[in-house]
N, C-alpha and C. Protein backbone atom coordinates (compact mmCIF):
# COMPACT_ATOMS: atom_id res chain seq x y z
N HIS A 1 103.43 112.82 87.21
CA HIS A 1 104.33 113.90 86.78
C HIS A 1 105.82 113.57 86.80
N PRO A 2 106.78 114.06 85.62
CA PRO A 2 107.96 113.91 85.47
C PRO A 2 109.02 114.64 86.56
N TRP A 3 108.46 114.68 88.04
CA TRP A 3 109.35 115.57 88.74
C TRP A 3 110.65 114.79 89.17
N CYS A 4 110.64 113.34 89.25
CA CYS A 4 111.77 112.74 89.50
C CYS A 4 111.58 111.28 89.01
N THR A 5 112.71 110.52 89.09
CA THR A 5 112.81 109.31 88.36
C THR A 5 112.07 108.16 89.45
N ASP A 6 112.10 106.97 89.10
CA ASP A 6 111.49 105.98 90.01
C ASP A 6 112.62 105.85 91.02
N GLU A 7 113.98 105.81 90.38
CA GLU A 7 115.07 105.54 91.31
C GLU A 7 115.17 106.72 92.45
N GLU A 8 114.95 107.90 91.99
CA GLU A 8 115.05 109.14 92.87
C GLU A 8 113.82 108.87 94.04
N LEU A 9 112.70 108.61 93.51
CA LEU A 9 111.52 108.51 94.19
C LEU A 9 111.84 107.40 95.43
N ALA A 10 112.40 106.23 94.97
CA ALA A 10 112.85 105.04 95.92
C ALA A 10 113.86 105.86 96.93
N ASP A 11 114.58 106.61 96.57
CA ASP A 11 115.78 107.03 97.55
C ASP A 11 115.17 108.15 98.47
N TYR A 12 114.31 108.85 98.02
CA TYR A 12 113.69 109.77 98.71
C TYR A 12 112.70 108.98 99.74
N TYR A 13 112.08 108.10 99.49
CA TYR A 13 111.14 107.33 100.35
C TYR A 13 112.02 106.72 101.36
N ALA A 14 113.23 106.04 100.96
CA ALA A 14 113.87 105.42 101.94
C ALA A 14 114.40 106.20 102.99
N VAL A 15 115.09 107.66 102.47
CA VAL A 15 115.63 108.49 103.44
C VAL A 15 114.29 109.19 104.23
N GLY A 16 113.10 109.35 103.59
CA GLY A 16 112.02 109.93 104.33
C GLY A 16 111.49 108.93 105.41
N GLN A 17 111.58 107.63 105.44
CA GLN A 17 111.54 106.56 106.42
C GLN A 17 112.31 106.78 107.65
N CYS A 18 113.54 107.08 107.48
CA CYS A 18 114.39 107.02 108.62
C CYS A 18 114.60 108.48 109.20
N THR A 19 113.89 109.43 108.70
CA THR A 19 113.88 111.04 109.11
C THR A 19 112.66 111.08 109.99
N PRO A 20 112.91 112.01 110.79
CA PRO A 20 111.46 112.37 111.73
C PRO A 20 110.58 112.69 110.71
N GLY A 21 109.28 112.54 111.22
CA GLY A 21 108.13 113.09 110.44
C GLY A 21 107.56 112.09 109.62
N ILE A 22 106.40 112.25 109.03
CA ILE A 22 105.60 111.58 108.17
C ILE A 22 106.41 111.62 106.86
N ILE A 23 106.35 110.13 106.24
CA ILE A 23 107.20 109.63 105.14
C ILE A 23 106.52 110.26 103.67
N ALA A 24 105.53 110.58 103.65
CA ALA A 24 104.84 111.38 102.37
C ALA A 24 105.46 112.90 102.39
N MET A 25 105.25 113.25 103.77
CA MET A 25 105.56 114.49 103.75
C MET A 25 107.17 114.97 103.51
N ASN A 26 108.29 114.03 104.17
CA ASN A 26 109.37 114.29 103.92
C ASN A 26 109.87 114.04 102.29
N THR A 27 109.11 112.96 101.65
CA THR A 27 109.37 112.94 100.25
C THR A 27 108.75 113.95 99.51
N ALA A 28 107.71 114.36 99.80
CA ALA A 28 107.34 115.71 99.08
C ALA A 28 108.35 116.81 99.10
N THR A 29 108.77 116.99 100.45
CA THR A 29 109.72 118.03 100.72
C THR A 29 111.17 117.83 99.97
N PHE A 30 111.59 116.59 99.74
CA PHE A 30 112.84 116.15 99.07
C PHE A 30 112.44 116.49 97.38
N VAL A 31 111.25 116.25 96.98
CA VAL A 31 110.90 116.48 95.59
C VAL A 31 110.67 117.91 95.22
N GLY A 32 110.17 118.74 96.31
CA GLY A 32 110.05 120.37 96.12
C GLY A 32 111.52 120.80 96.27
N TYR A 33 112.20 120.35 97.05
CA TYR A 33 113.42 120.96 97.17
C TYR A 33 114.16 120.62 95.80
N LYS A 34 114.19 119.59 95.42
CA LYS A 34 115.01 119.15 93.99
C LYS A 34 114.52 120.17 92.90
N LEU A 35 112.94 120.54 92.95
CA LEU A 35 112.67 121.22 91.82
C LEU A 35 112.81 122.77 91.83
N ALA A 36 112.86 123.15 93.05
CA ALA A 36 112.97 124.80 93.27
C ALA A 36 113.62 125.25 94.48
N GLY A 37 114.56 124.26 94.92
CA GLY A 37 115.54 124.71 96.33
C GLY A 37 114.46 124.79 97.37
N ILE A 38 114.82 125.64 98.37
CA ILE A 38 114.13 125.74 99.74
C ILE A 38 112.83 126.09 99.53
N PRO A 39 112.47 127.18 98.78
CA PRO A 39 110.83 127.63 98.60
C PRO A 39 110.28 126.40 97.91
N GLY A 40 110.71 125.53 97.04
CA GLY A 40 110.12 124.44 96.63
C GLY A 40 109.98 123.46 97.75
N GLY A 41 110.75 123.28 98.62
CA GLY A 41 110.71 122.44 99.74
C GLY A 41 109.44 122.74 100.52
N ILE A 42 109.60 124.13 100.91
CA ILE A 42 108.46 124.59 101.82
C ILE A 42 107.18 124.64 101.19
N ALA A 43 107.10 124.93 99.83
CA ALA A 43 105.82 124.93 99.18
C ALA A 43 105.16 123.71 99.10
N ALA A 44 106.17 122.65 98.87
CA ALA A 44 105.61 120.96 98.64
C ALA A 44 105.24 120.64 100.00
N THR A 45 105.77 120.92 101.00
CA THR A 45 105.31 120.70 102.25
C THR A 45 104.11 121.02 102.92
N TYR A 46 103.84 122.48 102.60
CA TYR A 46 102.64 123.02 102.87
C TYR A 46 101.51 122.64 102.08
N SER A 47 101.89 122.53 100.81
CA SER A 47 100.73 122.07 99.93
C SER A 47 100.39 120.71 100.17
N LEU A 48 101.06 119.72 100.72
CA LEU A 48 100.89 118.61 101.30
C LEU A 48 100.02 118.63 102.52
N THR A 49 100.27 119.42 103.53
CA THR A 49 99.76 119.34 104.77
C THR A 49 98.49 120.31 105.14
N LEU A 50 98.48 121.34 104.16
CA LEU A 50 97.47 122.27 104.52
C LEU A 50 95.77 121.94 104.15
N PRO A 51 95.87 121.16 102.93
CA PRO A 51 94.46 120.69 102.55
C PRO A 51 93.99 119.69 103.56
N SER A 52 94.98 118.63 103.88
CA SER A 52 94.60 117.65 104.79
C SER A 52 94.25 118.15 106.31
N PHE A 53 95.01 119.31 106.72
CA PHE A 53 94.66 119.80 107.94
C PHE A 53 93.22 120.39 108.15
N ILE A 54 93.05 121.15 106.99
CA ILE A 54 91.47 121.88 106.97
C ILE A 54 90.61 120.97 106.76
N ILE A 55 90.49 119.73 106.13
CA ILE A 55 89.71 118.56 105.96
C ILE A 55 89.60 117.86 107.29
N ILE A 56 90.48 117.82 107.80
CA ILE A 56 90.44 117.13 109.01
C ILE A 56 89.82 117.80 110.03
N LEU A 57 90.04 119.07 110.35
CA LEU A 57 89.27 119.75 111.18
C LEU A 57 87.91 119.93 111.03
N ILE A 58 87.51 119.90 109.59
CA ILE A 58 85.93 120.09 109.28
C ILE A 58 85.48 118.80 109.56
N ILE A 59 86.15 117.56 109.32
CA ILE A 59 85.59 116.00 109.60
C ILE A 59 85.39 116.05 111.05
N ALA A 60 86.51 116.33 111.75
CA ALA A 60 86.61 116.26 113.17
C ALA A 60 85.30 116.95 113.82
N ALA A 61 84.95 118.22 113.40
CA ALA A 61 83.83 118.81 113.86
C ALA A 61 82.48 118.28 113.59
N VAL A 62 82.39 117.57 112.37
CA VAL A 62 81.11 116.91 112.10
C VAL A 62 81.05 115.65 112.64
N LEU A 63 82.11 114.60 112.72
CA LEU A 63 81.97 113.62 113.12
C LEU A 63 81.95 113.26 114.68
N ARG A 64 82.15 114.41 115.58
CA ARG A 64 82.03 114.37 116.85
C ARG A 64 80.76 114.03 117.25
N ASN A 65 79.82 114.70 116.41
CA ASN A 65 78.21 114.36 116.68
C ASN A 65 77.91 112.73 116.30
N PHE A 66 78.64 112.17 115.36
CA PHE A 66 78.05 110.85 115.01
C PHE A 66 78.98 109.71 115.19
N ALA A 67 80.12 110.11 115.95
CA ALA A 67 81.21 109.04 116.01
C ALA A 67 80.86 107.64 116.47
N GLU A 68 79.64 107.53 117.24
CA GLU A 68 79.22 106.37 117.79
C GLU A 68 78.31 105.48 117.29
N TYR A 69 77.89 106.10 115.99
CA TYR A 69 76.99 105.18 115.10
C TYR A 69 77.71 104.22 114.57
N PRO A 70 77.07 102.97 114.45
CA PRO A 70 77.65 101.72 113.66
C PRO A 70 77.96 102.02 112.52
N VAL A 71 77.41 102.74 111.45
CA VAL A 71 77.69 102.95 110.31
C VAL A 71 79.02 103.95 110.06
N VAL A 72 79.37 104.59 111.01
CA VAL A 72 80.48 105.51 110.97
C VAL A 72 81.73 104.57 111.35
N ILE A 73 81.50 103.66 112.34
CA ILE A 73 82.56 102.73 113.20
C ILE A 73 82.53 101.75 112.00
N ASN A 74 81.95 100.97 111.22
CA ASN A 74 82.02 100.26 109.96
C ASN A 74 82.68 101.10 108.79
N ALA A 75 82.33 102.22 108.61
CA ALA A 75 83.23 103.02 107.48
C ALA A 75 84.69 103.31 107.73
N PHE A 76 84.97 103.39 109.08
CA PHE A 76 86.40 103.63 109.38
C PHE A 76 87.02 102.27 109.12
N ALA A 77 86.46 101.31 109.75
CA ALA A 77 86.92 99.83 109.52
C ALA A 77 87.30 99.61 108.04
N GLY A 78 86.46 99.94 107.34
CA GLY A 78 86.70 99.69 105.89
C GLY A 78 87.77 100.70 105.30
N ILE A 79 87.90 101.71 105.73
CA ILE A 79 88.78 102.71 105.31
C ILE A 79 90.22 102.12 105.56
N ARG A 80 90.32 101.72 106.94
CA ARG A 80 91.77 101.18 107.39
C ARG A 80 92.14 100.20 106.57
N VAL A 81 91.15 99.16 105.97
CA VAL A 81 91.57 97.97 105.14
C VAL A 81 91.98 98.68 103.71
N CYS A 82 91.40 99.67 103.31
CA CYS A 82 91.76 100.17 102.01
C CYS A 82 93.05 100.95 101.99
N VAL A 83 93.48 101.62 103.10
CA VAL A 83 94.52 102.10 103.30
C VAL A 83 95.57 101.17 103.21
N CYS A 84 95.44 99.83 104.19
CA CYS A 84 96.67 98.92 104.04
C CYS A 84 96.70 98.34 102.58
N VAL A 85 95.94 98.18 101.57
CA VAL A 85 95.87 97.81 100.40
C VAL A 85 96.72 98.54 99.59
N LEU A 86 96.27 99.99 99.74
CA LEU A 86 96.86 101.10 99.10
C LEU A 86 98.47 101.08 99.25
N ILE A 87 98.71 100.96 100.44
CA ILE A 87 100.39 100.89 100.90
C ILE A 87 100.90 99.79 100.25
N LEU A 88 100.25 98.60 100.15
CA LEU A 88 100.87 97.31 99.59
C LEU A 88 100.96 97.44 98.36
N GLN A 89 100.06 98.18 97.49
CA GLN A 89 99.94 98.38 96.04
C GLN A 89 101.44 99.26 95.75
N ALA A 90 101.65 100.31 96.59
CA ALA A 90 102.74 101.19 96.27
C ALA A 90 104.07 100.29 96.58
N VAL A 91 103.83 99.51 97.59
CA VAL A 91 105.08 98.61 97.89
C VAL A 91 105.45 97.65 96.70
N LEU A 92 104.43 96.83 96.23
CA LEU A 92 104.60 96.08 94.89
C LEU A 92 105.19 96.94 93.77
N ARG A 93 104.76 98.16 93.74
CA ARG A 93 105.13 98.95 92.34
C ARG A 93 106.66 99.12 92.47
N LEU A 94 107.00 99.48 93.46
CA LEU A 94 108.47 99.67 93.91
C LEU A 94 109.41 98.50 93.90
N TRP A 95 108.81 97.19 94.22
CA TRP A 95 109.59 96.31 94.28
C TRP A 95 110.60 95.85 93.48
N LYS A 96 110.12 95.91 91.97
CA LYS A 96 111.15 95.66 90.96
C LYS A 96 112.27 96.50 91.00
N LYS A 97 112.22 97.61 91.09
CA LYS A 97 113.26 98.63 91.16
C LYS A 97 114.24 98.49 92.40
N ALA A 98 113.40 98.03 93.63
CA ALA A 98 114.16 98.25 94.96
C ALA A 98 114.93 96.87 95.19
N VAL A 99 114.33 95.90 94.37
CA VAL A 99 115.09 94.43 94.81
C VAL A 99 115.48 93.92 93.23
N PRO A 100 116.50 94.31 92.71
CA PRO A 100 116.66 93.85 91.20
C PRO A 100 117.49 92.69 91.36
N ASP A 101 118.28 92.08 92.43
CA ASP A 101 119.08 90.99 92.24
C ASP A 101 118.91 89.97 93.44
N LYS A 102 119.51 88.78 93.88
CA LYS A 102 119.46 87.85 94.62
C LYS A 102 120.10 88.68 95.93
N ALA A 103 121.28 89.31 95.93
CA ALA A 103 121.92 90.10 96.61
C ALA A 103 120.78 90.83 97.53
N ALA A 104 120.13 91.83 96.78
CA ALA A 104 119.37 92.48 97.37
C ALA A 104 118.23 92.13 98.10
N LEU A 105 117.57 90.86 97.53
CA LEU A 105 116.65 90.23 98.00
C LEU A 105 117.09 89.73 99.49
N CYS A 106 118.47 89.08 99.43
CA CYS A 106 118.76 88.79 100.84
C CYS A 106 119.02 89.75 101.86
N VAL A 107 119.25 91.00 101.42
CA VAL A 107 119.27 92.19 102.31
C VAL A 107 117.89 92.37 102.76
N TYR A 108 116.92 92.23 101.79
CA TYR A 108 115.72 92.76 102.12
C TYR A 108 115.17 91.69 103.23
N LEU A 109 115.20 90.46 102.96
CA LEU A 109 114.70 89.26 103.77
C LEU A 109 115.32 89.55 105.03
N VAL A 110 116.69 89.88 105.37
CA VAL A 110 117.18 89.84 106.71
C VAL A 110 116.45 91.22 107.35
N ILE A 111 116.71 92.16 106.81
CA ILE A 111 115.76 93.40 107.21
C ILE A 111 114.38 93.00 107.56
N PHE A 112 113.70 92.66 106.85
CA PHE A 112 112.25 92.32 106.84
C PHE A 112 112.08 91.77 108.20
N LEU A 113 112.75 90.40 108.19
CA LEU A 113 112.76 89.65 109.35
C LEU A 113 113.17 90.25 110.77
N LEU A 114 114.06 90.89 110.75
CA LEU A 114 114.55 91.72 112.02
C LEU A 114 113.31 92.69 112.40
N THR A 115 112.78 93.44 111.51
CA THR A 115 111.74 94.25 111.57
C THR A 115 110.32 93.57 112.10
N VAL A 116 110.03 92.41 111.51
CA VAL A 116 108.99 91.70 111.86
C VAL A 116 109.10 91.19 113.37
N PHE A 117 110.24 90.50 113.45
CA PHE A 117 110.59 89.78 114.65
C PHE A 117 110.98 90.59 116.03
N SER A 118 111.32 92.02 115.60
CA SER A 118 111.80 92.94 116.60
C SER A 118 110.90 93.01 117.94
N SER A 119 109.76 92.91 117.62
CA SER A 119 108.82 92.79 118.99
C SER A 119 108.88 91.89 119.84
N VAL A 120 109.20 90.51 119.31
CA VAL A 120 109.42 89.30 120.30
C VAL A 120 110.94 89.10 120.46
N LEU A 121 111.93 89.68 119.93
CA LEU A 121 113.32 89.60 120.22
C LEU A 121 113.49 90.22 121.53
N PRO A 122 114.51 89.66 122.29
CA PRO A 122 115.00 90.49 123.60
C PRO A 122 115.40 91.95 123.64
N TRP A 123 115.73 92.25 122.21
CA TRP A 123 116.16 93.64 121.80
C TRP A 123 115.44 94.23 120.70
N ARG A 124 115.25 95.61 120.68
CA ARG A 124 114.61 96.07 119.64
C ARG A 124 115.67 96.81 118.68
N VAL A 125 115.67 96.45 117.47
CA VAL A 125 116.53 96.93 116.25
C VAL A 125 116.04 98.59 116.07
N PRO A 126 116.67 99.65 116.29
CA PRO A 126 116.04 100.89 115.64
C PRO A 126 116.03 100.90 114.23
N ALA A 127 115.07 101.58 113.67
CA ALA A 127 114.90 101.74 112.08
C ALA A 127 115.94 102.24 111.54
N ALA A 128 116.76 103.16 112.30
CA ALA A 128 117.87 103.83 111.71
C ALA A 128 119.04 102.94 111.50
N VAL A 129 119.12 101.95 112.46
CA VAL A 129 120.27 100.97 112.37
C VAL A 129 119.98 100.17 111.33
N LEU A 130 118.65 99.75 111.06
CA LEU A 130 118.35 98.79 109.93
C LEU A 130 118.81 99.46 108.81
N VAL A 131 118.54 100.79 108.46
CA VAL A 131 118.69 101.55 107.23
C VAL A 131 120.16 101.36 106.93
N ILE A 132 120.96 101.78 107.89
CA ILE A 132 122.23 101.86 107.94
C ILE A 132 122.97 100.69 107.54
N CYS A 133 122.58 99.34 108.09
CA CYS A 133 123.15 98.13 108.04
C CYS A 133 122.71 97.71 106.49
N ALA A 134 121.34 98.05 106.18
CA ALA A 134 121.12 97.73 104.63
C ALA A 134 121.90 98.50 103.76
N GLY A 135 122.34 99.67 103.93
CA GLY A 135 123.15 100.35 103.05
C GLY A 135 124.65 99.68 103.04
N VAL A 136 125.16 99.48 104.10
CA VAL A 136 126.52 98.76 104.28
C VAL A 136 126.32 97.47 103.36
N PHE A 137 125.50 96.78 103.86
CA PHE A 137 125.43 95.43 103.06
C PHE A 137 125.22 95.81 101.46
N GLY A 138 124.43 96.57 101.13
CA GLY A 138 124.30 96.75 99.67
C GLY A 138 125.45 97.27 98.98
N VAL A 139 126.54 98.17 99.75
CA VAL A 139 127.68 98.49 98.94
C VAL A 139 128.68 97.50 99.30
N LEU A 140 128.67 96.58 100.30
CA LEU A 140 129.52 95.30 100.22
C LEU A 140 129.09 94.53 99.01
N PHE A 141 127.92 94.01 98.95
CA PHE A 141 127.46 93.30 97.72
C PHE A 141 127.84 93.80 96.35
N ARG A 142 127.30 95.05 96.25
CA ARG A 142 127.71 95.70 94.91
C ARG A 142 129.18 95.55 94.63
N THR A 143 130.04 96.06 95.74
CA THR A 143 131.51 95.92 95.53
C THR A 143 132.04 94.73 95.09
N ALA A 144 131.52 93.26 95.96
CA ALA A 144 131.97 92.10 95.58
C ALA A 144 131.39 91.78 94.18
N LYS A 145 130.25 92.33 93.89
CA LYS A 145 129.85 91.77 92.36
C LYS A 145 130.67 92.50 91.47
N GLU A 146 130.92 93.73 91.68
CA GLU A 146 131.79 94.28 90.52
C GLU A 146 133.21 93.96 90.78
N GLY A 147 133.70 93.55 91.64
CA GLY A 147 134.95 92.85 91.70
C GLY A 147 135.19 91.41 90.90
N LYS A 148 134.03 90.69 91.11
CA LYS A 148 134.00 89.43 90.25
C LYS A 148 133.94 89.86 88.89
N SER A 149 133.29 90.82 88.28
CA SER A 149 133.08 90.99 87.03
C SER A 149 134.33 91.70 86.40
N ALA A 150 135.08 92.26 87.22
CA ALA A 150 136.15 93.11 86.69
C ALA A 150 137.44 92.01 86.35
């Protein structure tokens, strides 16, 4: 749907990551707000959450009786793998627009490594700090690049 451009979606996703709540819900709320203001944001949020809520209630009621069967356990193991692959696919699709040059790649690598190794470092780096640092580096790199071309 032409509700937003790829660039806008990447921006919504980035902001959705550093705001409290589920990233998909935050992104949907931003898109709904863009299209129809506050009522659109509310409608998008409820449209995303209500069907899942109802389905989860039904599944939880049914699965309670079958949760210990090996076939159910194995099915959920397969679903977890599928979800990881779907997330990876979304990342790869946004990769070209999110990392357009070597400077952005450097910022990406530093932030990625800090995120990955944050669990073994003596100090944890909060996600909000990483987002702010990435934004600052992006502005600095862009300013330096525009200064060289001028």
